[in-house]
Amino acid sequence: MYKAMSILLMSAMTLAISAVASAGDHDPRVNRRQVHQQARIHEGVKSGQLTRPEARHLERQQHNIRSEERAFKSDGYLSPSERADLHSDLRAANRDIYGQKHDRQTR
């Protein structure tokens, strides 16, 4: 009985520690913004608001943000300053998407 209880307790502690460790590398706002921006780029291409070079530039910008996010998370933790940097990059990308979609250039 004692052995089974200690195994159960150790398992619960391991799960709790892994949950806390992985919580630092997850920011649903970053992911949600990335998905939303990607959808806006695709919608802009589909509607003709974005030219091919504009879309390529915006896609490259999104790729760079994803690469930066992977690099930040490589140590298993997304620090507050890294999170702030990602949000800053996403704000800049948001402005670029808006600017390119509203610059009156069409395909």
Protein backbone atom coordinates (compact mmCIF):
# COMPACT_ATOMS: atom_id res chain seq x y z
CA MET A 1 0.00 0.00 0.00
CA TYR A 2 2.77 2.44 0.96
CA LYS A 3 4.73 1.64 -2.22
CA ALA A 4 1.70 2.20 -4.48
CA MET A 5 0.92 5.50 -2.74
CA SER A 6 4.49 6.76 -3.14
CA ILE A 7 4.52 5.82 -6.84
CA LEU A 8 1.23 7.67 -7.32
CA LEU A 9 2.58 10.70 -5.47
CA MET A 10 5.81 10.71 -7.52
CA SER A 11 3.81 10.48 -10.76
CA ALA A 12 1.61 13.40 -9.73
CA MET A 13 4.67 15.48 -8.81
CA THR A 14 6.33 14.69 -12.14
CA LEU A 15 3.22 15.77 -14.03
CA ALA A 16 2.97 18.98 -12.02
CA ILE A 17 6.61 19.86 -12.61
CA SER A 18 6.38 19.20 -16.35
CA ALA A 19 3.18 21.28 -16.57
CA VAL A 20 4.86 24.22 -14.83
CA ALA A 21 7.97 23.88 -17.00
CA SER A 22 6.00 23.86 -20.24
CA ALA A 23 3.73 26.74 -19.17
CA GLY A 24 6.59 29.20 -19.66
CA ASP A 25 6.93 28.47 -23.38
CA HIS A 26 3.29 28.94 -24.36
CA ASP A 27 1.62 32.22 -25.21
CA PRO A 28 -1.79 31.72 -26.82
CA ARG A 29 -1.96 35.42 -27.78
CA VAL A 30 1.17 35.09 -29.93
CA ASN A 31 -0.21 32.01 -31.66
CA ARG A 32 -3.63 33.59 -32.17
CA ARG A 33 -2.08 36.72 -33.68
CA GLN A 34 0.09 34.66 -36.02
CA VAL A 35 -2.90 32.69 -37.26
CA HIS A 36 -4.94 35.87 -37.72
CA GLN A 37 -2.16 37.64 -39.62
CA GLN A 38 -1.63 34.64 -41.87
CA ALA A 39 -5.36 34.61 -42.66
CA ARG A 40 -5.28 38.32 -43.48
CA ILE A 41 -2.40 37.79 -45.91
CA HIS A 42 -4.21 34.94 -47.65
CA GLU A 43 -7.41 36.99 -47.83
CA GLY A 44 -5.45 39.90 -49.32
CA VAL A 45 -3.99 37.67 -52.01
CA LYS A 46 -7.38 36.15 -52.76
CA SER A 47 -9.10 39.54 -53.01
CA GLY A 48 -6.31 41.07 -55.10
CA GLN A 49 -5.42 43.68 -52.48
CA LEU A 50 -1.90 42.24 -52.25
CA THR A 51 0.43 41.89 -55.19
CA ARG A 52 2.67 38.84 -55.40
CA PRO A 53 5.79 40.74 -54.25
CA GLU A 54 3.87 42.25 -51.34
CA ALA A 55 2.56 38.83 -50.31
CA ARG A 56 6.06 37.32 -50.56
CA HIS A 57 7.46 40.10 -48.36
CA LEU A 58 4.71 39.62 -45.75
CA GLU A 59 5.11 35.83 -45.81
CA ARG A 60 8.86 36.20 -45.31
CA GLN A 61 8.20 38.52 -42.37
CA GLN A 62 5.85 35.92 -40.84
CA HIS A 63 8.46 33.21 -41.39
CA ASN A 64 11.08 35.32 -39.61
CA ILE A 65 8.76 35.82 -36.64
CA ARG A 66 8.13 32.06 -36.42
CA SER A 67 11.87 31.39 -36.63
CA GLU A 68 12.53 33.92 -33.89
CA GLU A 69 9.83 32.32 -31.74
CA ARG A 70 11.40 28.86 -32.20
CA ALA A 71 14.81 30.27 -31.24
CA PHE A 72 13.36 31.93 -28.15
CA LYS A 73 11.65 28.69 -27.11
CA SER A 74 14.73 26.52 -27.76
CA ASP A 75 15.65 26.61 -24.08
CA GLY A 76 12.14 25.51 -23.14
CA TYR A 77 11.14 28.89 -21.77
CA LEU A 78 9.73 32.09 -23.26
CA SER A 79 10.92 34.92 -21.04
CA PRO A 80 8.91 38.12 -20.57
CA SER A 81 11.40 40.11 -22.66
CA GLU A 82 11.29 37.50 -25.46
CA ARG A 83 7.49 37.56 -25.34
CA ALA A 84 7.54 41.38 -25.53
CA ASP A 85 9.91 41.21 -28.51
CA LEU A 86 7.56 38.81 -30.31
CA HIS A 87 4.58 41.06 -29.65
CA SER A 88 6.53 44.05 -30.94
CA ASP A 89 7.39 42.15 -34.14
CA LEU A 90 3.76 41.09 -34.53
CA ARG A 91 2.59 44.71 -34.13
CA ALA A 92 5.02 45.78 -36.85
CA ALA A 93 3.83 42.95 -39.10
CA ASN A 94 0.23 43.98 -38.45
CA ARG A 95 1.00 47.54 -39.58
CA ASP A 96 2.79 46.21 -42.67
CA ILE A 97 -0.14 43.98 -43.61
CA TYR A 98 -2.57 46.86 -43.23
CA GLY A 99 -0.33 49.22 -45.20
CA GLN A 100 0.19 46.80 -48.07
CA LYS A 101 -3.49 45.90 -48.29
CA HIS A 102 -4.55 49.56 -48.38
CA ASP A 103 -1.89 51.04 -50.69
CA ARG A 104 -4.20 50.90 -53.72
CA GLN A 105 -1.92 48.49 -55.57
CA THR A 106 -3.80 45.56 -57.01
CA ARG A 107 -3.00 42.51 -59.04
